[in-house]
Amino acid sequence: MDFFQFDHSFCEAKIYGGPPEYINSITSLFISYMGYYALKNNDHLNNDIYLLYAALFLNGFVSCAYHWTNYLGFGLLDRFSMVLIAYPAVCACFKELGHLYNINMNIRKHFLILKQLYFTLLITTCSFGYEEIFNSLFGIFLGGSIIFIWLVNKKKDELNKKVKVLLKNSYIGLLFMLFAGIFWIFVEKFCDTFSIMKYIQGHAIWHIGVSLGGYLISLLLVGISLDRKHQLPLYNVSDKSINQK
């Protein structure tokens, strides 16, 4: 497999007849900015979430390189860093839902097996360059955000009022992600059908929507964790960050 082999272009490339995809590249750096912002402005000692933020920071740069060159090697780095985002997020979600619903340990172990199977498939499809299958599998992770927020919402009466605010913000984050995802899919699907589509920056909007939305949902995860540990009174909780007092 040649690192510098051409992979494929996104709809924006039709404007220029090939890479670089200027707007996709620039908006990729917003993903890195969100990772940097999250690491800098949060002080809550949740290692899973810190790993997520670090992977977000990395993903933006490799995604920028991918959109600038369309090289297969950068495409694989982009997808592998997406896996690094998903893994700690899923671990944190399973952990908090397990406590929130008092899930039996045997059931949790079965979920762990399914989780490992899922990530094995995700890594395998990424390694062999099966991008469409990878994107579909990764969509399960993103779709899982809906289930996670729905399950937390069912227990909202048991949550601290500060966590309830974070829960409301996570609805906004979820809308950001859903809108951006649907918009990107729509643009790419009809890119060859309608020439105007190449001027509608669907993938660029995806970069912004998924990183903003994911960040808002991550704050809900942290808030639930601190509430469970009875440490929430020790922290300042806002719409933008969670920090020790």
Protein backbone atom coordinates (compact mmCIF):
# COMPACT_ATOMS: atom_id res chain seq x y z
CA MET A 1 0.00 0.00 0.00
CA ASP A 2 1.50 3.33 -1.14
CA PHE A 3 1.11 6.18 1.38
CA PHE A 4 1.06 8.72 -1.49
CA GLN A 5 -1.49 6.81 -3.56
CA PHE A 6 -4.53 8.90 -4.54
CA ASP A 7 -7.58 7.90 -2.48
CA HIS A 8 -10.55 10.00 -3.58
CA SER A 9 -11.79 13.57 -3.54
CA PHE A 10 -14.82 15.15 -1.93
CA CYS A 11 -17.37 17.26 -3.75
CA GLU A 12 -15.47 20.51 -3.23
CA ALA A 13 -12.59 19.25 -5.41
CA LYS A 14 -14.84 19.51 -8.50
CA ILE A 15 -14.48 23.28 -8.27
CA TYR A 16 -10.74 23.05 -8.92
CA GLY A 17 -10.52 19.78 -10.84
CA GLY A 18 -8.79 18.00 -7.96
CA PRO A 19 -7.01 18.64 -4.68
CA PRO A 20 -6.32 20.68 -2.65
CA GLU A 21 -9.79 21.01 -1.17
CA TYR A 22 -9.18 24.41 0.36
CA ILE A 23 -12.29 24.91 2.49
CA ASN A 24 -12.37 21.30 3.70
CA SER A 25 -8.71 21.64 4.70
CA ILE A 26 -9.22 24.90 6.58
CA THR A 27 -12.33 23.72 8.43
CA SER A 28 -10.47 20.54 9.45
CA LEU A 29 -8.29 22.76 11.60
CA PHE A 30 -11.42 23.80 13.51
CA ILE A 31 -11.55 20.21 14.77
CA SER A 32 -8.02 20.63 16.16
CA TYR A 33 -9.03 23.96 17.66
CA MET A 34 -11.94 22.33 19.49
CA GLY A 35 -9.61 19.64 20.85
CA TYR A 36 -7.14 22.29 21.99
CA TYR A 37 -9.90 24.44 23.50
CA ALA A 38 -11.32 21.46 25.36
CA LEU A 39 -7.95 20.43 26.79
CA LYS A 40 -7.06 23.98 27.79
CA ASN A 41 -10.36 25.06 29.31
CA ASN A 42 -11.44 21.96 31.23
CA ASP A 43 -10.02 20.72 34.53
CA HIS A 44 -12.10 17.73 35.58
CA LEU A 45 -9.62 14.81 35.76
CA ASN A 46 -11.70 12.53 33.49
CA ASN A 47 -9.01 10.64 31.59
CA ASP A 48 -11.36 9.08 29.03
CA ILE A 49 -12.59 12.50 27.98
CA TYR A 50 -9.07 13.95 27.92
CA LEU A 51 -8.06 11.14 25.55
CA LEU A 52 -11.04 12.03 23.36
CA TYR A 53 -9.96 15.69 23.26
CA ALA A 54 -6.35 14.77 22.44
CA ALA A 55 -7.53 12.56 19.57
CA LEU A 56 -9.76 15.40 18.35
CA PHE A 57 -6.72 17.68 18.29
CA LEU A 58 -4.77 15.13 16.25
CA ASN A 59 -7.64 14.34 13.90
CA GLY A 60 -7.98 17.91 12.69
CA PHE A 61 -4.39 18.09 11.47
CA VAL A 62 -4.38 14.74 9.65
CA SER A 63 -7.79 15.52 8.17
CA CYS A 64 -6.39 18.83 6.89
CA ALA A 65 -3.49 16.97 5.24
CA TYR A 66 -5.91 14.46 3.74
CA HIS A 67 -8.14 17.10 2.18
CA TRP A 68 -5.12 19.03 0.93
CA THR A 69 -3.54 16.02 -0.81
CA ASN A 70 -6.17 13.25 -1.01
CA TYR A 71 -3.35 10.80 -0.26
CA LEU A 72 -4.45 7.38 0.96
CA GLY A 73 -1.93 7.49 3.82
CA PHE A 74 -3.42 10.65 5.27
CA GLY A 75 -6.88 9.18 4.72
CA LEU A 76 -5.97 6.19 6.87
CA LEU A 77 -4.49 8.46 9.55
CA ASP A 78 -7.72 10.46 9.48
CA ARG A 79 -9.83 7.33 10.01
CA PHE A 80 -7.56 5.80 12.65
CA SER A 81 -7.67 9.05 14.65
CA MET A 82 -11.46 8.87 14.41
CA VAL A 83 -11.22 5.46 16.08
CA LEU A 84 -9.11 7.09 18.81
CA ILE A 85 -11.94 9.58 19.35
CA ALA A 86 -14.62 6.92 19.47
CA TYR A 87 -12.93 4.42 21.82
CA PRO A 88 -12.64 6.54 25.00
CA ALA A 89 -16.05 8.07 24.31
CA VAL A 90 -17.71 4.64 24.16
CA CYS A 91 -15.82 3.52 27.30
CA ALA A 92 -17.04 6.59 29.18
CA CYS A 93 -20.65 6.15 27.97
CA PHE A 94 -20.75 2.47 28.98
CA LYS A 95 -19.28 3.27 32.38
CA GLU A 96 -21.73 6.04 33.23
CA LEU A 97 -24.82 4.24 31.90
CA GLY A 98 -23.78 1.17 33.87
CA HIS A 99 -23.81 3.17 37.09
CA LEU A 100 -26.85 5.25 36.18
CA TYR A 101 -28.98 2.15 35.52
CA ASN A 102 -27.27 -0.16 38.04
CA ILE A 103 -26.61 -2.66 35.26
CA ASN A 104 -25.65 -6.14 36.41
CA MET A 105 -21.92 -6.91 36.07
CA ASN A 106 -22.55 -9.97 33.88
CA ILE A 107 -24.52 -7.83 31.44
CA ARG A 108 -21.72 -5.25 31.46
CA LYS A 109 -19.23 -7.98 30.52
CA HIS A 110 -21.37 -8.95 27.54
CA PHE A 111 -21.44 -5.31 26.46
CA LEU A 112 -17.64 -5.23 26.74
CA ILE A 113 -17.39 -8.16 24.33
CA LEU A 114 -19.67 -6.39 21.86
CA LYS A 115 -17.66 -3.20 22.25
CA GLN A 116 -14.38 -4.97 21.50
CA LEU A 117 -15.95 -6.74 18.51
CA TYR A 118 -17.20 -3.41 17.18
CA PHE A 119 -13.78 -1.77 17.40
CA THR A 120 -12.09 -4.82 15.91
CA LEU A 121 -14.36 -4.47 12.87
CA LEU A 122 -13.77 -0.71 12.77
CA ILE A 123 -9.98 -1.09 12.80
CA THR A 124 -10.02 -3.95 10.30
CA THR A 125 -12.12 -2.08 7.74
CA CYS A 126 -9.94 0.98 8.19
CA SER A 127 -6.74 -1.03 7.72
CA PHE A 128 -7.94 -2.58 4.45
CA GLY A 129 -9.23 0.73 3.12
CA TYR A 130 -12.91 -0.26 3.04
CA GLU A 131 -14.00 3.33 3.53
CA GLU A 132 -17.72 2.91 2.88
CA ILE A 133 -17.98 0.07 5.39
CA PHE A 134 -15.86 2.04 7.86
CA ASN A 135 -18.09 5.10 7.52
CA SER A 136 -21.19 2.98 8.07
CA LEU A 137 -19.68 1.39 11.18
CA PHE A 138 -18.53 4.76 12.49
CA GLY A 139 -22.06 6.01 11.94
CA ILE A 140 -23.16 3.48 14.58
CA PHE A 141 -20.94 5.30 17.09
CA LEU A 142 -22.39 8.67 16.13
CA GLY A 143 -25.93 7.28 16.17
CA GLY A 144 -25.19 5.88 19.61
CA SER A 145 -25.12 9.47 20.84
CA ILE A 146 -28.87 9.60 20.31
CA ILE A 147 -29.38 6.47 22.41
CA PHE A 148 -27.02 7.73 25.11
CA ILE A 149 -28.80 11.08 25.47
CA TRP A 150 -32.21 9.37 25.40
CA LEU A 151 -31.17 6.99 28.19
CA VAL A 152 -29.77 9.83 30.29
CA ASN A 153 -32.93 11.85 29.70
CA LYS A 154 -35.02 8.98 31.12
CA LYS A 155 -33.08 9.41 34.39
CA LYS A 156 -33.06 13.20 34.41
CA ASP A 157 -35.14 13.40 37.61
CA GLU A 158 -32.24 11.75 39.45
CA LEU A 159 -29.65 14.20 38.11
CA ASN A 160 -28.17 17.30 39.70
CA LYS A 161 -29.63 20.54 38.31
CA LYS A 162 -26.24 21.45 36.82
CA VAL A 163 -26.20 18.16 34.91
CA LYS A 164 -29.72 18.88 33.67
CA VAL A 165 -28.37 22.07 32.07
CA LEU A 166 -25.62 20.04 30.40
CA LEU A 167 -28.29 17.58 29.23
CA LYS A 168 -30.21 20.40 27.53
CA ASN A 169 -26.99 21.58 25.88
CA SER A 170 -26.36 18.05 24.64
CA TYR A 171 -29.66 18.24 22.72
CA ILE A 172 -28.20 21.22 20.86
CA GLY A 173 -24.98 19.30 20.28
CA LEU A 174 -26.93 16.37 18.90
CA LEU A 175 -28.82 18.66 16.51
CA PHE A 176 -25.51 20.11 15.31
CA MET A 177 -24.22 16.63 14.53
CA LEU A 178 -27.41 15.39 12.88
CA PHE A 179 -27.83 18.48 10.71
CA ALA A 180 -24.18 18.50 9.66
CA GLY A 181 -24.19 14.77 8.89
CA ILE A 182 -27.38 14.85 6.84
CA PHE A 183 -26.21 17.96 5.00
CA TRP A 184 -22.85 16.38 4.10
CA ILE A 185 -24.45 13.13 2.89
CA PHE A 186 -26.96 15.09 0.80
CA VAL A 187 -24.26 17.18 -0.88
CA GLU A 188 -22.00 14.21 -1.66
CA LYS A 189 -24.91 12.07 -2.93
CA PHE A 190 -26.08 14.67 -5.43
CA CYS A 191 -22.67 16.10 -6.29
CA ASP A 192 -22.57 14.44 -9.71
CA THR A 193 -26.21 15.20 -10.41
CA PHE A 194 -26.32 18.93 -9.72
CA SER A 195 -23.25 21.02 -10.52
CA ILE A 196 -24.16 23.62 -7.89
CA MET A 197 -23.49 21.06 -5.15
CA LYS A 198 -19.74 21.54 -5.43
CA TYR A 199 -20.18 25.10 -4.13
CA ILE A 200 -22.22 23.97 -1.11
CA GLN A 201 -19.69 23.07 1.55
CA GLY A 202 -21.37 20.01 3.06
CA HIS A 203 -18.21 18.36 4.36
CA ALA A 204 -16.89 21.63 5.78
CA ILE A 205 -20.14 22.05 7.72
CA TRP A 206 -19.70 18.47 8.95
CA HIS A 207 -16.27 19.33 10.38
CA ILE A 208 -17.72 22.21 12.37
CA GLY A 209 -20.99 20.57 13.41
CA VAL A 210 -19.55 17.25 14.58
CA SER A 211 -16.75 18.82 16.63
CA LEU A 212 -19.00 21.41 18.29
CA GLY A 213 -21.79 18.92 18.90
CA GLY A 214 -19.46 16.24 20.18
CA TYR A 215 -17.89 18.67 22.61
CA LEU A 216 -21.27 19.62 24.11
CA ILE A 217 -22.14 15.95 24.55
CA SER A 218 -18.75 15.26 26.18
CA LEU A 219 -19.52 17.85 28.87
CA LEU A 220 -22.68 15.89 29.74
CA LEU A 221 -20.55 12.76 30.21
CA VAL A 222 -18.21 14.60 32.55
CA GLY A 223 -21.10 16.12 34.51
CA ILE A 224 -22.73 12.71 35.04
CA SER A 225 -19.41 11.26 36.20
CA LEU A 226 -18.78 14.05 38.71
CA ASP A 227 -22.36 13.85 39.97
CA ARG A 228 -22.02 10.09 40.50
CA LYS A 229 -18.83 10.64 42.51
CA HIS A 230 -20.51 13.42 44.54
CA GLN A 231 -17.80 15.84 43.37
CA LEU A 232 -19.94 18.22 41.34
CA PRO A 233 -20.10 20.91 44.11
CA LEU A 234 -16.30 21.21 43.80
CA TYR A 235 -16.57 22.37 40.18
CA ASN A 236 -17.73 25.39 38.23
CA VAL A 237 -20.02 24.11 35.49
CA SER A 238 -20.83 26.33 32.50
CA ASP A 239 -22.07 25.90 28.94
CA LYS A 240 -18.46 25.95 27.75
CA SER A 241 -16.34 24.11 30.30
CA ILE A 242 -16.06 22.33 33.67
CA ASN A 243 -13.33 23.46 36.06
CA GLN A 244 -12.34 23.03 39.67
CA LYS A 245 -13.30 25.91 41.95
